[in-house]
Full PDB file with SEQRES, HELIX, SHEET, SSBOND, CRYST1, ORIGX, SCALE, CONECT and MASTER records, all heavy atoms in Angstrom:
SEQRES   1 A   35  ARG ALA ALA CYS PRO ASP ASP LEU ARG PHE ALA TRP VAL          
SEQRES   2 A   35  GLU GLY LEU ARG SER GLY ASP ARG TYR ARG THR ALA ALA          
SEQRES   3 A   35  ALA ALA THR TRP PHE ARG ALA GLY ARG                          
HELIX    1 AA1 PRO A    5  ASP A    7  5                                   3    
SHEET    1 AA1 3 TRP A  12  GLU A  14  0                                        
SHEET    2 AA1 3 ARG A  21  ALA A  25 -1                                        
SHEET    3 AA1 3 ALA A  28  ARG A  32 -1                                        
CRYST1    1.000    1.000    1.000  90.00  90.00  90.00 P 1           1          
ORIGX1      1.000000  0.000000  0.000000        0.00000                         
ORIGX2      0.000000  1.000000  0.000000        0.00000                         
ORIGX3      0.000000  0.000000  1.000000        0.00000                         
SCALE1      1.000000  0.000000  0.000000        0.00000                         
SCALE2      0.000000  1.000000  0.000000        0.00000                         
SCALE3      0.000000  0.000000  1.000000        0.00000                         
ATOM      1  N   ARG A   1       0.848  -1.191  -0.002  1.00  0.00           N  
ATOM      2  CA  ARG A   1      -0.001  -0.001   0.000  1.00  0.00           C  
ATOM      3  C   ARG A   1       0.879   1.241  -0.001  1.00  0.00           C  
ATOM      4  O   ARG A   1       2.075   1.184   0.342  1.00  0.00           O  
ATOM      5  CB  ARG A   1      -0.920   0.031   1.221  1.00  0.00           C  
ATOM      6  CG  ARG A   1      -0.215   0.262   2.551  1.00  0.00           C  
ATOM      7  CD  ARG A   1      -1.192   0.284   3.712  1.00  0.00           C  
ATOM      8  NE  ARG A   1      -0.517   0.595   4.974  1.00  0.00           N  
ATOM      9  CZ  ARG A   1      -0.389   1.819   5.466  1.00  0.00           C  
ATOM     10  NH1 ARG A   1      -0.877   2.854   4.795  1.00  0.00           N  
ATOM     11  NH2 ARG A   1       0.232   2.027   6.619  1.00  0.00           N  
ATOM     12  N   ALA A   2       0.293   2.359  -0.381  1.00  0.00           N  
ATOM     13  CA  ALA A   2       0.971   3.650  -0.291  1.00  0.00           C  
ATOM     14  C   ALA A   2       0.614   4.280   1.038  1.00  0.00           C  
ATOM     15  O   ALA A   2      -0.562   4.454   1.347  1.00  0.00           O  
ATOM     16  CB  ALA A   2       0.543   4.556  -1.434  1.00  0.00           C  
ATOM     17  N   ALA A   3       1.613   4.611   1.840  1.00  0.00           N  
ATOM     18  CA  ALA A   3       1.358   5.208   3.144  1.00  0.00           C  
ATOM     19  C   ALA A   3       1.075   6.705   3.045  1.00  0.00           C  
ATOM     20  O   ALA A   3       0.435   7.274   3.919  1.00  0.00           O  
ATOM     21  CB  ALA A   3       2.546   4.967   4.068  1.00  0.00           C  
ATOM     22  N   CYS A   4       1.549   7.344   1.982  1.00  0.00           N  
ATOM     23  CA  CYS A   4       1.346   8.776   1.791  1.00  0.00           C  
ATOM     24  C   CYS A   4       1.297   9.057   0.286  1.00  0.00           C  
ATOM     25  O   CYS A   4       1.740   8.221  -0.514  1.00  0.00           O  
ATOM     26  CB  CYS A   4       2.461   9.586   2.449  1.00  0.00           C  
ATOM     27  SG  CYS A   4       4.098   9.320   1.717  1.00  0.00           S  
ATOM     28  N   PRO A   5       0.793  10.198  -0.141  1.00  0.00           N  
ATOM     29  CA  PRO A   5       0.740  10.487  -1.571  1.00  0.00           C  
ATOM     30  C   PRO A   5       2.086  10.408  -2.274  1.00  0.00           C  
ATOM     31  O   PRO A   5       2.170  10.018  -3.446  1.00  0.00           O  
ATOM     32  CB  PRO A   5       0.153  11.903  -1.620  1.00  0.00           C  
ATOM     33  CG  PRO A   5      -0.698  11.993  -0.404  1.00  0.00           C  
ATOM     34  CD  PRO A   5       0.065  11.227   0.649  1.00  0.00           C  
ATOM     35  N   ASP A   6       3.162  10.778  -1.573  1.00  0.00           N  
ATOM     36  CA  ASP A   6       4.489  10.721  -2.198  1.00  0.00           C  
ATOM     37  C   ASP A   6       4.962   9.298  -2.475  1.00  0.00           C  
ATOM     38  O   ASP A   6       5.929   9.098  -3.225  1.00  0.00           O  
ATOM     39  CB  ASP A   6       5.522  11.462  -1.342  1.00  0.00           C  
ATOM     40  CG  ASP A   6       5.733  12.897  -1.797  1.00  0.00           C  
ATOM     41  OD1 ASP A   6       5.272  13.257  -2.894  1.00  0.00           O  
ATOM     42  OD2 ASP A   6       6.386  13.657  -1.050  1.00  0.00           O  
ATOM     43  N   ASP A   7       4.328   8.300  -1.856  1.00  0.00           N  
ATOM     44  CA  ASP A   7       4.663   6.909  -2.178  1.00  0.00           C  
ATOM     45  C   ASP A   7       4.185   6.524  -3.569  1.00  0.00           C  
ATOM     46  O   ASP A   7       4.669   5.526  -4.133  1.00  0.00           O  
ATOM     47  CB  ASP A   7       4.052   5.958  -1.152  1.00  0.00           C  
ATOM     48  CG  ASP A   7       4.825   5.914   0.146  1.00  0.00           C  
ATOM     49  OD1 ASP A   7       5.943   6.464   0.202  1.00  0.00           O  
ATOM     50  OD2 ASP A   7       4.313   5.330   1.119  1.00  0.00           O  
ATOM     51  N   LEU A   8       3.222   7.243  -4.125  1.00  0.00           N  
ATOM     52  CA  LEU A   8       2.747   6.971  -5.481  1.00  0.00           C  
ATOM     53  C   LEU A   8       3.845   7.368  -6.461  1.00  0.00           C  
ATOM     54  O   LEU A   8       4.258   8.525  -6.525  1.00  0.00           O  
ATOM     55  CB  LEU A   8       1.469   7.748  -5.767  1.00  0.00           C  
ATOM     56  CG  LEU A   8       0.280   7.454  -4.829  1.00  0.00           C  
ATOM     57  CD1 LEU A   8      -0.859   8.426  -5.100  1.00  0.00           C  
ATOM     58  CD2 LEU A   8      -0.185   6.008  -4.983  1.00  0.00           C  
ATOM     59  N   ARG A   9       4.338   6.402  -7.216  1.00  0.00           N  
ATOM     60  CA  ARG A   9       5.493   6.651  -8.079  1.00  0.00           C  
ATOM     61  C   ARG A   9       5.143   6.746  -9.557  1.00  0.00           C  
ATOM     62  O   ARG A   9       5.984   7.115 -10.369  1.00  0.00           O  
ATOM     63  CB  ARG A   9       6.548   5.534  -7.890  1.00  0.00           C  
ATOM     64  CG  ARG A   9       6.968   5.274  -6.468  1.00  0.00           C  
ATOM     65  CD  ARG A   9       7.340   6.544  -5.721  1.00  0.00           C  
ATOM     66  NE  ARG A   9       8.409   7.316  -6.376  1.00  0.00           N  
ATOM     67  CZ  ARG A   9       8.784   8.526  -6.012  1.00  0.00           C  
ATOM     68  NH1 ARG A   9       8.153   9.137  -5.026  1.00  0.00           N  
ATOM     69  NH2 ARG A   9       9.746   9.141  -6.640  1.00  0.00           N  
ATOM     70  N   PHE A  10       3.932   6.391  -9.905  1.00  0.00           N  
ATOM     71  CA  PHE A  10       3.510   6.399 -11.317  1.00  0.00           C  
ATOM     72  C   PHE A  10       2.056   6.834 -11.375  1.00  0.00           C  
ATOM     73  O   PHE A  10       1.262   6.486 -10.495  1.00  0.00           O  
ATOM     74  CB  PHE A  10       3.652   4.989 -11.910  1.00  0.00           C  
ATOM     75  CG  PHE A  10       3.068   4.849 -13.299  1.00  0.00           C  
ATOM     76  CD1 PHE A  10       3.834   5.121 -14.419  1.00  0.00           C  
ATOM     77  CD2 PHE A  10       1.745   4.425 -13.485  1.00  0.00           C  
ATOM     78  CE1 PHE A  10       3.300   4.988 -15.697  1.00  0.00           C  
ATOM     79  CE2 PHE A  10       1.208   4.282 -14.758  1.00  0.00           C  
ATOM     80  CZ  PHE A  10       1.989   4.569 -15.861  1.00  0.00           C  
ATOM     81  N   ALA A  11       1.703   7.607 -12.388  1.00  0.00           N  
ATOM     82  CA  ALA A  11       0.310   7.979 -12.584  1.00  0.00           C  
ATOM     83  C   ALA A  11      -0.013   8.026 -14.073  1.00  0.00           C  
ATOM     84  O   ALA A  11       0.855   8.333 -14.906  1.00  0.00           O  
ATOM     85  CB  ALA A  11       0.006   9.334 -11.942  1.00  0.00           C  
ATOM     86  N   TRP A  12      -1.263   7.728 -14.370  1.00  0.00           N  
ATOM     87  CA  TRP A  12      -1.780   7.747 -15.750  1.00  0.00           C  
ATOM     88  C   TRP A  12      -3.193   8.310 -15.681  1.00  0.00           C  
ATOM     89  O   TRP A  12      -4.027   7.822 -14.931  1.00  0.00           O  
ATOM     90  CB  TRP A  12      -1.807   6.331 -16.288  1.00  0.00           C  
ATOM     91  CG  TRP A  12      -2.339   6.130 -17.678  1.00  0.00           C  
ATOM     92  CD1 TRP A  12      -3.641   6.235 -18.099  1.00  0.00           C  
ATOM     93  CD2 TRP A  12      -1.596   5.742 -18.837  1.00  0.00           C  
ATOM     94  NE1 TRP A  12      -3.752   5.936 -19.418  1.00  0.00           N  
ATOM     95  CE2 TRP A  12      -2.507   5.629 -19.910  1.00  0.00           C  
ATOM     96  CE3 TRP A  12      -0.252   5.472 -19.062  1.00  0.00           C  
ATOM     97  CZ2 TRP A  12      -2.118   5.263 -21.195  1.00  0.00           C  
ATOM     98  CZ3 TRP A  12       0.147   5.111 -20.339  1.00  0.00           C  
ATOM     99  CH2 TRP A  12      -0.776   4.993 -21.396  1.00  0.00           C  
ATOM    100  N   VAL A  13      -3.464   9.341 -16.450  1.00  0.00           N  
ATOM    101  CA  VAL A  13      -4.805   9.929 -16.564  1.00  0.00           C  
ATOM    102  C   VAL A  13      -5.149   9.986 -18.047  1.00  0.00           C  
ATOM    103  O   VAL A  13      -4.364  10.498 -18.849  1.00  0.00           O  
ATOM    104  CB  VAL A  13      -4.860  11.342 -15.960  1.00  0.00           C  
ATOM    105  CG1 VAL A  13      -6.218  12.003 -16.237  1.00  0.00           C  
ATOM    106  CG2 VAL A  13      -4.589  11.302 -14.461  1.00  0.00           C  
ATOM    107  N   GLU A  14      -6.324   9.468 -18.394  1.00  0.00           N  
ATOM    108  CA  GLU A  14      -6.724   9.434 -19.800  1.00  0.00           C  
ATOM    109  C   GLU A  14      -8.176   9.870 -19.940  1.00  0.00           C  
ATOM    110  O   GLU A  14      -9.067   9.300 -19.299  1.00  0.00           O  
ATOM    111  CB  GLU A  14      -6.537   8.029 -20.369  1.00  0.00           C  
ATOM    112  CG  GLU A  14      -6.849   7.946 -21.851  1.00  0.00           C  
ATOM    113  CD  GLU A  14      -6.419   6.615 -22.460  1.00  0.00           C  
ATOM    114  OE1 GLU A  14      -5.486   5.974 -21.908  1.00  0.00           O  
ATOM    115  OE2 GLU A  14      -7.011   6.223 -23.481  1.00  0.00           O  
ATOM    116  N   GLY A  15      -8.408  10.875 -20.757  1.00  0.00           N  
ATOM    117  CA  GLY A  15      -9.767  11.331 -21.013  1.00  0.00           C  
ATOM    118  C   GLY A  15     -10.547  10.274 -21.772  1.00  0.00           C  
ATOM    119  O   GLY A  15     -10.129   9.840 -22.847  1.00  0.00           O  
ATOM    120  N   LEU A  16     -11.661   9.857 -21.235  1.00  0.00           N  
ATOM    121  CA  LEU A  16     -12.421   8.764 -21.846  1.00  0.00           C  
ATOM    122  C   LEU A  16     -13.157   9.199 -23.090  1.00  0.00           C  
ATOM    123  O   LEU A  16     -13.590   8.348 -23.885  1.00  0.00           O  
ATOM    124  CB  LEU A  16     -13.387   8.167 -20.819  1.00  0.00           C  
ATOM    125  CG  LEU A  16     -12.699   7.403 -19.688  1.00  0.00           C  
ATOM    126  CD1 LEU A  16     -13.681   7.087 -18.556  1.00  0.00           C  
ATOM    127  CD2 LEU A  16     -12.076   6.119 -20.205  1.00  0.00           C  
ATOM    128  N   ARG A  17     -13.320  10.487 -23.300  1.00  0.00           N  
ATOM    129  CA  ARG A  17     -13.898  10.974 -24.552  1.00  0.00           C  
ATOM    130  C   ARG A  17     -12.830  11.576 -25.470  1.00  0.00           C  
ATOM    131  O   ARG A  17     -12.800  11.288 -26.658  1.00  0.00           O  
ATOM    132  CB  ARG A  17     -14.979  12.026 -24.274  1.00  0.00           C  
ATOM    133  CG  ARG A  17     -16.252  11.461 -23.678  1.00  0.00           C  
ATOM    134  CD  ARG A  17     -17.455  12.338 -23.979  1.00  0.00           C  
ATOM    135  NE  ARG A  17     -18.635  11.740 -23.385  1.00  0.00           N  
ATOM    136  CZ  ARG A  17     -19.077  11.993 -22.158  1.00  0.00           C  
ATOM    137  NH1 ARG A  17     -18.435  12.852 -21.396  1.00  0.00           N  
ATOM    138  NH2 ARG A  17     -20.146  11.399 -21.701  1.00  0.00           N  
ATOM    139  N   SER A  18     -11.975  12.416 -24.906  1.00  0.00           N  
ATOM    140  CA  SER A  18     -10.999  13.123 -25.732  1.00  0.00           C  
ATOM    141  C   SER A  18      -9.832  12.263 -26.165  1.00  0.00           C  
ATOM    142  O   SER A  18      -9.220  12.511 -27.202  1.00  0.00           O  
ATOM    143  CB  SER A  18     -10.461  14.343 -24.967  1.00  0.00           C  
ATOM    144  OG  SER A  18      -9.664  13.900 -23.871  1.00  0.00           O  
ATOM    145  N   GLY A  19      -9.474  11.261 -25.327  1.00  0.00           N  
ATOM    146  CA  GLY A  19      -8.245  10.515 -25.565  1.00  0.00           C  
ATOM    147  C   GLY A  19      -7.003  11.248 -25.114  1.00  0.00           C  
ATOM    148  O   GLY A  19      -5.890  10.721 -25.248  1.00  0.00           O  
ATOM    149  N   ASP A  20      -7.136  12.469 -24.569  1.00  0.00           N  
ATOM    150  CA  ASP A  20      -5.972  13.163 -23.998  1.00  0.00           C  
ATOM    151  C   ASP A  20      -5.386  12.300 -22.885  1.00  0.00           C  
ATOM    152  O   ASP A  20      -6.124  11.715 -22.104  1.00  0.00           O  
ATOM    153  CB  ASP A  20      -6.381  14.514 -23.419  1.00  0.00           C  
ATOM    154  CG  ASP A  20      -6.720  15.538 -24.488  1.00  0.00           C  
ATOM    155  OD1 ASP A  20      -6.513  15.262 -25.682  1.00  0.00           O  
ATOM    156  OD2 ASP A  20      -7.229  16.624 -24.116  1.00  0.00           O  
ATOM    157  N   ARG A  21      -4.065  12.237 -22.814  1.00  0.00           N  
ATOM    158  CA  ARG A  21      -3.429  11.348 -21.851  1.00  0.00           C  
ATOM    159  C   ARG A  21      -2.251  12.022 -21.172  1.00  0.00           C  
ATOM    160  O   ARG A  21      -1.450  12.700 -21.806  1.00  0.00           O  
ATOM    161  CB  ARG A  21      -2.909  10.098 -22.585  1.00  0.00           C  
ATOM    162  CG  ARG A  21      -2.328   9.039 -21.656  1.00  0.00           C  
ATOM    163  CD  ARG A  21      -1.722   7.915 -22.464  1.00  0.00           C  
ATOM    164  NE  ARG A  21      -0.472   8.336 -23.094  1.00  0.00           N  
ATOM    165  CZ  ARG A  21       0.114   7.667 -24.086  1.00  0.00           C  
ATOM    166  NH1 ARG A  21      -0.446   6.585 -24.593  1.00  0.00           N  
ATOM    167  NH2 ARG A  21       1.267   8.107 -24.591  1.00  0.00           N  
ATOM    168  N   TYR A  22      -2.172  11.819 -19.868  1.00  0.00           N  
ATOM    169  CA  TYR A  22      -1.040  12.254 -19.056  1.00  0.00           C  
ATOM    170  C   TYR A  22      -0.414  11.026 -18.426  1.00  0.00           C  
ATOM    171  O   TYR A  22      -1.111  10.111 -17.993  1.00  0.00           O  
ATOM    172  CB  TYR A  22      -1.503  13.196 -17.934  1.00  0.00           C  
ATOM    173  CG  TYR A  22      -2.187  14.453 -18.400  1.00  0.00           C  
ATOM    174  CD1 TYR A  22      -3.562  14.468 -18.637  1.00  0.00           C  
ATOM    175  CD2 TYR A  22      -1.478  15.632 -18.583  1.00  0.00           C  
ATOM    176  CE1 TYR A  22      -4.210  15.629 -19.046  1.00  0.00           C  
ATOM    177  CE2 TYR A  22      -2.119  16.800 -18.988  1.00  0.00           C  
ATOM    178  CZ  TYR A  22      -3.486  16.782 -19.215  1.00  0.00           C  
ATOM    179  OH  TYR A  22      -4.122  17.938 -19.617  1.00  0.00           O  
ATOM    180  N   ARG A  23       0.909  11.000 -18.338  1.00  0.00           N  
ATOM    181  CA  ARG A  23       1.587   9.888 -17.677  1.00  0.00           C  
ATOM    182  C   ARG A  23       2.923  10.368 -17.130  1.00  0.00           C  
ATOM    183  O   ARG A  23       3.477  11.389 -17.575  1.00  0.00           O  
ATOM    184  CB  ARG A  23       1.816   8.723 -18.643  1.00  0.00           C  
ATOM    185  CG  ARG A  23       2.802   9.033 -19.760  1.00  0.00           C  
ATOM    186  CD  ARG A  23       2.914   7.869 -20.739  1.00  0.00           C  
ATOM    187  NE  ARG A  23       3.815   8.204 -21.851  1.00  0.00           N  
ATOM    188  CZ  ARG A  23       5.092   7.811 -21.930  1.00  0.00           C  
ATOM    189  NH1 ARG A  23       5.616   7.088 -20.940  1.00  0.00           N  
ATOM    190  NH2 ARG A  23       5.837   8.145 -22.961  1.00  0.00           N  
ATOM    191  N   THR A  24       3.417   9.628 -16.154  1.00  0.00           N  
ATOM    192  CA  THR A  24       4.778   9.879 -15.679  1.00  0.00           C  
ATOM    193  C   THR A  24       5.701   8.833 -16.299  1.00  0.00           C  
ATOM    194  O   THR A  24       5.323   7.678 -16.494  1.00  0.00           O  
ATOM    195  CB  THR A  24       4.866   9.798 -14.149  1.00  0.00           C  
ATOM    196  OG1 THR A  24       4.312   8.554 -13.705  1.00  0.00           O  
ATOM    197  CG2 THR A  24       4.108  10.940 -13.503  1.00  0.00           C  
ATOM    198  N   ALA A  25       6.898   9.250 -16.592  1.00  0.00           N  
ATOM    199  CA  ALA A  25       7.942   8.352 -17.095  1.00  0.00           C  
ATOM    200  C   ALA A  25       9.283   9.032 -16.933  1.00  0.00           C  
ATOM    201  O   ALA A  25       9.416  10.235 -17.222  1.00  0.00           O  
ATOM    202  CB  ALA A  25       7.711   7.987 -18.571  1.00  0.00           C  
ATOM    203  N   ALA A  26      10.280   8.279 -16.453  1.00  0.00           N  
ATOM    204  CA  ALA A  26      11.626   8.807 -16.291  1.00  0.00           C  
ATOM    205  C   ALA A  26      11.621  10.097 -15.472  1.00  0.00           C  
ATOM    206  O   ALA A  26      12.279  11.093 -15.811  1.00  0.00           O  
ATOM    207  CB  ALA A  26      12.282   9.046 -17.656  1.00  0.00           C  
ATOM    208  N   ALA A  27      10.859  10.089 -14.361  1.00  0.00           N  
ATOM    209  CA  ALA A  27      10.799  11.218 -13.424  1.00  0.00           C  
ATOM    210  C   ALA A  27      10.329  12.500 -14.095  1.00  0.00           C  
ATOM    211  O   ALA A  27      10.700  13.612 -13.676  1.00  0.00           O  
ATOM    212  CB  ALA A  27      12.157  11.435 -12.763  1.00  0.00           C  
ATOM    213  N   ALA A  28       9.506  12.376 -15.132  1.00  0.00           N  
ATOM    214  CA  ALA A  28       8.954  13.524 -15.835  1.00  0.00           C  
ATOM    215  C   ALA A  28       7.477  13.275 -16.132  1.00  0.00           C  
ATOM    216  O   ALA A  28       6.993  12.146 -16.014  1.00  0.00           O  
ATOM    217  CB  ALA A  28       9.734  13.789 -17.129  1.00  0.00           C  
ATOM    218  N   THR A  29       6.792  14.320 -16.545  1.00  0.00           N  
ATOM    219  CA  THR A  29       5.389  14.221 -16.903  1.00  0.00           C  
ATOM    220  C   THR A  29       5.249  14.461 -18.396  1.00  0.00           C  
ATOM    221  O   THR A  29       5.839  15.389 -18.955  1.00  0.00           O  
ATOM    222  CB  THR A  29       4.557  15.257 -16.127  1.00  0.00           C  
ATOM    223  OG1 THR A  29       4.725  15.031 -14.730  1.00  0.00           O  
ATOM    224  CG2 THR A  29       3.082  15.151 -16.481  1.00  0.00           C  
ATOM    225  N   TRP A  30       4.413  13.622 -19.026  1.00  0.00           N  
ATOM    226  CA  TRP A  30       4.221  13.671 -20.477  1.00  0.00           C  
ATOM    227  C   TRP A  30       2.745  13.805 -20.794  1.00  0.00           C  
ATOM    228  O   TRP A  30       1.901  13.171 -20.160  1.00  0.00           O  
ATOM    229  CB  TRP A  30       4.793  12.401 -21.118  1.00  0.00           C  
ATOM    230  CG  TRP A  30       6.250  12.221 -20.844  1.00  0.00           C  
ATOM    231  CD1 TRP A  30       6.817  11.695 -19.719  1.00  0.00           C  
ATOM    232  CD2 TRP A  30       7.333  12.594 -21.691  1.00  0.00           C  
ATOM    233  NE1 TRP A  30       8.189  11.721 -19.797  1.00  0.00           N  
ATOM    234  CE2 TRP A  30       8.537  12.259 -21.001  1.00  0.00           C  
ATOM    235  CE3 TRP A  30       7.417  13.176 -22.956  1.00  0.00           C  
ATOM    236  CZ2 TRP A  30       9.790  12.494 -21.557  1.00  0.00           C  
ATOM    237  CZ3 TRP A  30       8.659  13.405 -23.503  1.00  0.00           C  
ATOM    238  CH2 TRP A  30       9.833  13.069 -22.808  1.00  0.00           C  
ATOM    239  N   PHE A  31       2.451  14.611 -21.795  1.00  0.00           N  
ATOM    240  CA  PHE A  31       1.073  14.828 -22.226  1.00  0.00           C  
ATOM    241  C   PHE A  31       0.959  14.471 -23.715  1.00  0.00           C  
ATOM    242  O   PHE A  31       1.756  14.927 -24.535  1.00  0.00           O  
ATOM    243  CB  PHE A  31       0.662  16.286 -22.023  1.00  0.00           C  
ATOM    244  CG  PHE A  31      -0.643  16.653 -22.687  1.00  0.00           C  
ATOM    245  CD1 PHE A  31      -1.845  16.120 -22.244  1.00  0.00           C  
ATOM    246  CD2 PHE A  31      -0.670  17.534 -23.762  1.00  0.00           C  
ATOM    247  CE1 PHE A  31      -3.041  16.442 -22.853  1.00  0.00           C  
ATOM    248  CE2 PHE A  31      -1.868  17.885 -24.382  1.00  0.00           C  
ATOM    249  CZ  PHE A  31      -3.051  17.325 -23.913  1.00  0.00           C  
ATOM    250  N   ARG A  32      -0.053  13.649 -24.020  1.00  0.00           N  
ATOM    251  CA  ARG A  32      -0.353  13.332 -25.422  1.00  0.00           C  
ATOM    252  C   ARG A  32      -1.748  13.826 -25.747  1.00  0.00           C  
ATOM    253  O   ARG A  32      -2.720  13.413 -25.111  1.00  0.00           O  
ATOM    254  CB  ARG A  32      -0.291  11.833 -25.672  1.00  0.00           C  
ATOM    255  CG  ARG A  32      -0.403  11.473 -27.158  1.00  0.00           C  
ATOM    256  CD  ARG A  32      -0.735  10.019 -27.369  1.00  0.00           C  
ATOM    257  NE  ARG A  32      -2.110   9.733 -26.960  1.00  0.00           N  
ATOM    258  CZ  ARG A  32      -2.686   8.550 -27.064  1.00  0.00           C  
ATOM    259  NH1 ARG A  32      -2.018   7.527 -27.517  1.00  0.00           N  
ATOM    260  NH2 ARG A  32      -3.949   8.375 -26.675  1.00  0.00           N  
ATOM    261  N   ALA A  33      -1.849  14.714 -26.727  1.00  0.00           N  
ATOM    262  CA  ALA A  33      -3.146  15.222 -27.151  1.00  0.00           C  
ATOM    263  C   ALA A  33      -3.865  14.145 -27.944  1.00  0.00           C  
ATOM    264  O   ALA A  33      -3.305  13.582 -28.896  1.00  0.00           O  
ATOM    265  CB  ALA A  33      -2.977  16.485 -27.990  1.00  0.00           C  
ATOM    266  N   GLY A  34      -5.101  13.846 -27.546  1.00  0.00           N  
ATOM    267  CA  GLY A  34      -5.848  12.807 -28.229  1.00  0.00           C  
ATOM    268  C   GLY A  34      -6.102  13.112 -29.682  1.00  0.00           C  
ATOM    269  O   GLY A  34      -6.114  12.210 -30.528  1.00  0.00           O  
ATOM    270  N   ARG A  35      -6.280  14.378 -30.029  1.00  0.00           N  
ATOM    271  CA  ARG A  35      -6.606  14.731 -31.408  1.00  0.00           C  
ATOM    272  C   ARG A  35      -5.424  14.522 -32.340  1.00  0.00           C  
ATOM    273  O   ARG A  35      -5.581  13.983 -33.433  1.00  0.00           O  
ATOM    274  CB  ARG A  35      -7.066  16.198 -31.465  1.00  0.00           C  
ATOM    275  CG  ARG A  35      -7.424  16.671 -32.867  1.00  0.00           C  
ATOM    276  CD  ARG A  35      -8.022  18.066 -32.846  1.00  0.00           C  
ATOM    277  NE  ARG A  35      -9.275  18.088 -32.096  1.00  0.00           N  
ATOM    278  CZ  ARG A  35      -9.995  19.202 -31.923  1.00  0.00           C  
ATOM    279  NH1 ARG A  35      -9.568  20.356 -32.406  1.00  0.00           N  
ATOM    280  NH2 ARG A  35     -11.123  19.150 -31.238  1.00  0.00           N  
TER     281      ARG A  35                                                      
MASTER        0    0    0    1    3    0    0    6  280    1    0    3          
END                                                                             
């Protein structure tokens, strides 16, 4: 389990209509425009 928010090491957010996507990789944040 994650004891605190900082324990979360990876995140992925994807718009279910737009297809816009955010993700973490290599200690950075990446955005892909669905269009």
